[in-house]
Structures are given as structure tokens and as C-alpha cells.
Amino acid sequence: MPALLWMGIFFFLPLLLVLVISFAARGTYGGIEWTFSLANYLNMADPLYLRIYARSVALAAATTLVCLVLGFPLAYYIASAPPRWQAVWLMLIIIPFWTNFLVRTYAWMFILRSEGLLHTLLSSLGLFTGPIEILYSDAAVLMGLVYGYLPFMVLPLYAAIERLDRSVVEAAWDLYATGWAVFWRVVLPLTKPGVIAGCLLVFIPSVGAFITPDLLGGARSMMVGNLIQHEYLVVRDWPFGSAVSFVLMTVVLLGVAGYVKVGGVRGWRGGRL
């Protein structure tokens, strides 16, 4: 009961309020007019907003894929290391969280700007002489998102791989399986719950990110999170911002439903994660 009461007051009631506001209309001076309609949801069919949604989903999917490609070998290496070194590696993975995410994003601005650290390093090595136009682009946003959310991929993967039965992998090698066959038919299926959990933990915050695209992408790389922030704080169109928020929430819930359907719940019940 205490947990349900807490969730009801601080989670469900605010969501219900936002849902009700999403059907209202913007007042003349930014207030709320309680004339209920579906206009806010219909307005999202505008090609401008559809492009923002498509960019958000594409960048979040790319971030998830890059984090998976980078995180799986790292998690496997950490899980295969001696216990003492596992603690050291996990500490190194967690250390970035000791610094505010906004500060770390500003550091990426210093690295990627035209006369920043990356340009200075490449120029000193003679590898690149012209200006680097990475900042304020989708590539810069992708780098920032991968940097920010890579630990969320590594940690669940490490938890799944660390519980992997090594005798099954050794049996596959004894049966003359190739390295790719061992990974694809033994390691990956047994660690699938960790892969799905990591992908969700990366995709969900990436699709709604607003600090990283705002600082590293500028006006050229607006994502759904930036659109919601703009509608609430700049345009003061709370009903439309609420509608956009609920559509984003629907996308997130579909991802969670897909996680349960593909095997997340079965993986936990089967004791594989």
C-alpha cells in the first residue's frame, strides 16, 4: 500500500494531469483553454514534427547499435578478468557518473569544436589541416549520446555474461565450432536478456534526450526532447508539449512491450540473467 500510494501521488496523478492538458488548447497569452479536442495530436502529423520524431528514433537506434557493438566486447573482457580486476574495470565504467552530465557534455563541445582539442591533436600529427566541422551536427550528437549511455549497455551485459556457464562455451570449442559460431549460437542466445535490457536502457533515454542534442547539435539536430522543452518553456504551448510527451511515452512503452515479448521476462524466470 505505501508503494502504491507513493506511485499514485507522484507518478500516476501527474501523468493523468499531463494527459488531460494534452487535449486542451493553448491560450492567447500562453495559458490553457479547457476546450478539449484532438487538435494537438493531429498537428503532429505535420512533416516538420514527423522529421523530428524520425531523427530522434534514428539517432537513438544508432546510439543503441554503437553501444552494443562497443559494449559487448568490453563487458565480455571484464567478465573474463580475475575478480580483483573486474572491480577495477567496473569502477572505471562508473567513474564518469561522479561528474555532472551537463559538465561532461560541455567537455565534448571543447573537444569537437573547430579549434578544439581534436583539431589540435590531428593538426599536430599532420593528419588533418583544415577546420573540423563536427560540432553542431548529428555526428556530434551521436558521439555525445554514445559516450553518455555506454555504461548503461555495459553493466547489464556484464551481469549476463558473468553468469554465463563457461562449460557450454568450452563444449562448443571441443565440438570444433568456429569463433563466430560460438558467439552466434552459444554466447549470444545465453546472454540475450542482458542484450535486450542494455538496448532498452540505452534507447529509452536516448530517444528523449535534450541536453546532448541542444549543446552538441544546436538548431540543426532537434530531437523530441528539445521539441518538448521548446513547447513548454519557449512557446508556452503546454497542451501541444503534453501531446508530444505522450506520443514519446507510447514509443517507449512499445519498446518495453517488445522487450517482454522477445524474451525479457522469460530470461529472468529461466534464471539466465
Protein backbone atom coordinates (compact mmCIF):
# COMPACT_ATOMS: atom_id res chain seq x y z
CA MET A 1 0.00 0.00 0.00
CA PRO A 2 2.67 2.62 0.80
CA ALA A 3 4.36 1.95 -2.54
CA LEU A 4 1.06 2.17 -4.44
CA LEU A 5 0.18 5.39 -2.61
CA TRP A 6 3.57 6.89 -3.44
CA MET A 7 3.29 5.90 -7.12
CA GLY A 8 -0.26 7.18 -7.31
CA ILE A 9 0.53 10.63 -5.88
CA PHE A 10 3.89 11.29 -7.50
CA PHE A 11 3.60 9.33 -10.75
CA PHE A 12 0.10 8.46 -11.93
CA LEU A 13 -1.62 11.71 -10.92
CA PRO A 14 0.98 13.92 -12.69
CA LEU A 15 0.72 11.71 -15.78
CA LEU A 16 -3.07 11.97 -15.68
CA LEU A 17 -2.79 15.76 -15.43
CA VAL A 18 -0.46 15.89 -18.44
CA LEU A 19 -2.85 13.62 -20.37
CA VAL A 20 -5.79 15.91 -19.65
CA ILE A 21 -3.79 19.01 -20.64
CA SER A 22 -2.80 17.34 -23.94
CA PHE A 23 -6.45 17.53 -25.06
CA ALA A 24 -6.79 21.22 -24.15
CA ALA A 25 -5.83 24.28 -26.25
CA ARG A 26 -3.21 26.99 -25.87
CA GLY A 27 -4.50 30.31 -24.62
CA THR A 28 -3.83 33.60 -26.31
CA TYR A 29 -1.00 34.50 -23.94
CA GLY A 30 0.30 31.02 -23.26
CA GLY A 31 -2.28 29.81 -20.79
CA ILE A 32 -4.55 26.78 -21.08
CA GLU A 33 -8.06 26.92 -22.54
CA TRP A 34 -10.15 23.93 -21.47
CA THR A 35 -11.69 23.30 -24.88
CA PHE A 36 -10.99 19.62 -25.42
CA SER A 37 -10.14 18.27 -28.87
CA LEU A 38 -7.68 16.05 -30.72
CA ALA A 39 -6.07 19.03 -32.48
CA ASN A 40 -2.73 18.69 -30.67
CA TYR A 41 -2.36 15.07 -31.71
CA LEU A 42 -3.46 15.80 -35.27
CA ASN A 43 -0.92 18.62 -35.53
CA MET A 44 1.88 16.12 -35.02
CA ALA A 45 1.16 14.76 -38.49
CA ASP A 46 2.94 17.87 -39.82
CA PRO A 47 6.06 16.82 -41.78
CA LEU A 48 8.23 19.04 -39.57
CA TYR A 49 7.32 17.11 -36.42
CA LEU A 50 7.49 13.77 -38.23
CA ARG A 51 11.07 14.56 -39.24
CA ILE A 52 11.93 15.38 -35.62
CA TYR A 53 10.47 12.06 -34.49
CA ALA A 54 12.27 10.19 -37.26
CA ARG A 55 15.58 11.86 -36.38
CA SER A 56 15.10 11.04 -32.70
CA VAL A 57 14.34 7.37 -33.35
CA ALA A 58 17.18 7.07 -35.88
CA LEU A 59 19.76 8.65 -33.55
CA ALA A 60 18.53 6.57 -30.60
CA ALA A 61 18.71 3.37 -32.68
CA ALA A 62 22.20 4.27 -33.94
CA THR A 63 23.30 5.03 -30.38
CA THR A 64 21.96 1.68 -29.20
CA LEU A 65 23.71 -0.19 -32.01
CA VAL A 66 27.07 1.52 -31.47
CA CYS A 67 26.84 0.98 -27.70
CA LEU A 68 26.07 -2.70 -28.27
CA VAL A 69 29.00 -3.16 -30.66
CA LEU A 70 31.39 -1.37 -28.30
CA GLY A 71 29.89 -2.63 -25.05
CA PHE A 72 29.67 -6.37 -25.69
CA PRO A 73 33.41 -6.98 -26.14
CA LEU A 74 34.17 -4.72 -23.19
CA ALA A 75 31.63 -6.48 -20.96
CA TYR A 76 32.95 -9.89 -22.05
CA TYR A 77 36.51 -8.83 -21.26
CA ILE A 78 35.52 -7.54 -17.83
CA ALA A 79 33.54 -10.70 -17.03
CA SER A 80 36.50 -12.86 -18.08
CA ALA A 81 39.04 -10.93 -15.99
CA PRO A 82 40.07 -12.01 -12.45
CA PRO A 83 37.65 -10.82 -9.73
CA ARG A 84 40.09 -8.18 -8.45
CA TRP A 85 40.41 -6.62 -11.90
CA GLN A 86 36.68 -6.87 -12.50
CA ALA A 87 36.14 -4.47 -9.61
CA VAL A 88 38.71 -2.08 -11.07
CA TRP A 89 37.14 -2.11 -14.54
CA LEU A 90 33.62 -1.64 -13.18
CA MET A 91 34.85 1.30 -11.12
CA LEU A 92 36.31 2.88 -14.27
CA ILE A 93 32.96 2.38 -16.02
CA ILE A 94 31.08 4.10 -13.18
CA ILE A 95 33.54 6.97 -12.56
CA PRO A 96 32.02 9.28 -15.25
CA PHE A 97 28.78 9.34 -13.23
CA TRP A 98 30.66 11.18 -10.49
CA THR A 99 30.64 14.27 -12.73
CA ASN A 100 27.51 16.11 -13.76
CA PHE A 101 26.28 15.09 -17.22
CA LEU A 102 25.99 18.73 -18.31
CA VAL A 103 29.66 19.35 -17.47
CA ARG A 104 30.71 16.28 -19.43
CA THR A 105 28.68 17.45 -22.43
CA TYR A 106 30.39 20.85 -22.31
CA ALA A 107 33.72 18.98 -22.35
CA TRP A 108 32.65 17.35 -25.63
CA MET A 109 31.96 20.81 -27.04
CA PHE A 110 35.56 21.76 -26.24
CA ILE A 111 36.81 18.56 -27.90
CA LEU A 112 34.73 18.78 -31.10
CA ARG A 113 34.72 22.49 -31.87
CA SER A 114 36.58 23.70 -34.95
CA GLU A 115 39.63 24.84 -32.97
CA GLY A 116 39.22 22.35 -30.16
CA LEU A 117 41.26 19.50 -28.76
CA LEU A 118 40.54 17.08 -31.62
CA HIS A 119 41.55 19.62 -34.26
CA THR A 120 44.74 20.49 -32.36
CA LEU A 121 45.68 16.84 -31.96
CA LEU A 122 45.10 15.91 -35.61
CA SER A 123 46.91 19.05 -36.82
CA SER A 124 49.94 18.35 -34.62
CA LEU A 125 50.14 14.82 -36.05
CA GLY A 126 49.83 16.11 -39.60
CA LEU A 127 46.72 14.02 -40.25
CA PHE A 128 44.32 16.90 -40.84
CA THR A 129 44.91 20.55 -41.61
CA GLY A 130 41.51 22.05 -42.41
CA PRO A 131 38.80 23.03 -39.94
CA ILE A 132 36.79 20.20 -38.39
CA GLU A 133 33.06 20.64 -38.83
CA ILE A 134 31.76 18.05 -36.38
CA LEU A 135 30.17 20.18 -33.69
CA TYR A 136 26.52 21.12 -34.26
CA SER A 137 25.77 18.06 -36.36
CA ASP A 138 24.09 14.68 -35.97
CA ALA A 139 27.53 13.06 -35.76
CA ALA A 140 28.39 15.14 -32.69
CA VAL A 141 25.04 14.25 -31.09
CA LEU A 142 25.69 10.56 -31.77
CA MET A 143 29.14 10.78 -30.16
CA GLY A 144 27.73 12.50 -27.10
CA LEU A 145 24.90 10.01 -26.72
CA VAL A 146 27.21 7.01 -27.09
CA TYR A 147 29.59 8.47 -24.53
CA GLY A 148 26.78 9.24 -22.09
CA TYR A 149 24.89 5.95 -22.29
CA LEU A 150 27.58 3.35 -22.98
CA PRO A 151 27.77 2.35 -19.27
CA PHE A 152 24.05 1.53 -19.35
CA MET A 153 24.86 -1.07 -22.01
CA VAL A 154 28.00 -2.47 -20.39
CA LEU A 155 26.58 -3.10 -16.92
CA PRO A 156 23.61 -5.36 -17.86
CA LEU A 157 25.79 -7.15 -20.42
CA TYR A 158 28.41 -7.76 -17.76
CA ALA A 159 25.74 -9.13 -15.40
CA ALA A 160 24.54 -11.56 -18.08
CA ILE A 161 27.99 -12.65 -19.28
CA GLU A 162 29.33 -13.06 -15.75
CA ARG A 163 26.63 -15.68 -15.12
CA LEU A 164 27.34 -17.48 -18.41
CA ASP A 165 28.16 -21.17 -17.99
CA ARG A 166 31.72 -21.37 -19.37
CA SER A 167 31.49 -25.16 -19.72
CA VAL A 168 28.93 -24.69 -22.51
CA VAL A 169 31.35 -22.42 -24.38
CA GLU A 170 34.17 -24.94 -23.86
CA ALA A 171 31.93 -27.71 -25.17
CA ALA A 172 31.27 -25.70 -28.33
CA TRP A 173 35.02 -25.29 -28.87
CA ASP A 174 35.54 -29.04 -28.26
CA LEU A 175 32.96 -29.75 -30.97
CA TYR A 176 35.10 -27.72 -33.42
CA ALA A 177 32.77 -24.74 -33.67
CA THR A 178 34.24 -21.62 -35.21
CA GLY A 179 34.61 -18.44 -33.19
CA TRP A 180 31.65 -16.87 -34.96
CA ALA A 181 29.51 -19.97 -34.39
CA VAL A 182 30.37 -20.00 -30.67
CA PHE A 183 29.36 -16.36 -30.36
CA TRP A 184 26.23 -16.52 -32.52
CA ARG A 185 24.81 -19.87 -31.37
CA VAL A 186 26.03 -20.13 -27.76
CA VAL A 187 27.12 -16.84 -26.19
CA LEU A 188 24.54 -14.50 -27.72
CA PRO A 189 21.44 -16.65 -27.01
CA LEU A 190 22.50 -17.21 -23.39
CA THR A 191 23.12 -13.50 -22.85
CA LYS A 192 20.04 -12.31 -24.76
CA PRO A 193 18.22 -10.93 -21.68
CA GLY A 194 21.25 -8.75 -20.92
CA VAL A 195 21.42 -7.58 -24.54
CA ILE A 196 17.74 -6.64 -24.57
CA ALA A 197 17.93 -4.93 -21.18
CA GLY A 198 21.00 -2.94 -22.27
CA CYS A 199 19.36 -1.91 -25.53
CA LEU A 200 16.30 -0.66 -23.68
CA LEU A 201 18.35 1.19 -21.08
CA VAL A 202 20.18 2.99 -23.90
CA PHE A 203 17.35 3.52 -26.39
CA ILE A 204 14.77 4.93 -23.93
CA PRO A 205 16.87 7.83 -22.56
CA SER A 206 18.47 8.45 -25.97
CA VAL A 207 15.18 8.98 -27.79
CA GLY A 208 14.11 11.57 -25.21
CA ALA A 209 17.47 13.27 -24.71
CA PHE A 210 17.56 17.06 -24.88
CA ILE A 211 20.82 18.24 -23.25
CA THR A 212 23.13 16.46 -25.70
CA PRO A 213 21.31 17.48 -28.91
CA ASP A 214 20.83 21.01 -27.60
CA LEU A 215 24.55 21.56 -26.87
CA LEU A 216 26.22 19.35 -29.48
CA GLY A 217 23.61 19.55 -32.24
CA GLY A 218 22.29 23.07 -31.91
CA ALA A 219 19.29 24.04 -34.00
CA ARG A 220 20.33 21.60 -36.75
CA SER A 221 19.68 18.44 -34.71
CA MET A 222 16.46 18.99 -32.80
CA MET A 223 15.10 15.84 -31.18
CA VAL A 224 11.82 15.11 -29.43
CA GLY A 225 13.20 16.15 -26.05
CA ASN A 226 14.20 19.53 -27.46
CA LEU A 227 10.76 19.92 -29.03
CA ILE A 228 9.05 19.25 -25.69
CA GLN A 229 11.37 21.69 -23.92
CA HIS A 230 10.73 24.32 -26.62
CA GLU A 231 6.95 23.93 -26.41
CA TYR A 232 6.89 24.17 -22.62
CA LEU A 233 9.47 26.88 -21.94
CA VAL A 234 9.66 28.98 -25.11
CA VAL A 235 6.35 28.79 -26.96
CA ARG A 236 4.43 28.12 -23.73
CA ASP A 237 2.15 25.71 -25.58
CA TRP A 238 1.66 23.24 -22.75
CA PRO A 239 -1.15 21.26 -24.44
CA PHE A 240 0.91 20.51 -27.55
CA GLY A 241 4.01 19.76 -25.44
CA SER A 242 1.92 17.33 -23.37
CA ALA A 243 0.68 15.62 -26.53
CA VAL A 244 4.22 15.23 -27.84
CA SER A 245 5.25 13.82 -24.45
CA PHE A 246 2.53 11.18 -24.55
CA VAL A 247 3.40 10.12 -28.08
CA LEU A 248 7.01 9.73 -26.95
CA MET A 249 5.82 7.74 -23.94
CA THR A 250 3.90 5.46 -26.30
CA VAL A 251 7.07 4.77 -28.27
CA VAL A 252 8.88 3.91 -25.01
CA LEU A 253 6.07 1.61 -23.86
CA LEU A 254 6.14 -0.19 -27.20
CA GLY A 255 9.85 -0.81 -26.65
CA VAL A 256 9.18 -2.23 -23.19
CA ALA A 257 6.36 -4.40 -24.57
CA GLY A 258 8.74 -5.68 -27.24
CA TYR A 259 11.29 -6.48 -24.53
CA VAL A 260 8.75 -8.58 -22.64
CA LYS A 261 7.57 -10.33 -25.81
CA VAL A 262 11.02 -11.12 -27.19
CA GLY A 263 12.23 -12.77 -24.01
CA GLY A 264 12.98 -10.37 -21.20
CA VAL A 265 10.54 -11.90 -18.73
CA ARG A 266 11.31 -15.46 -19.83
CA GLY A 267 15.01 -14.73 -19.39
CA TRP A 268 14.51 -13.64 -15.80
CA ARG A 269 12.20 -16.52 -14.95
CA GLY A 270 14.55 -19.01 -16.53
CA GLY A 271 17.40 -17.83 -14.32
CA ARG A 272 19.61 -16.83 -17.23
CA LEU A 273 20.12 -13.22 -16.11
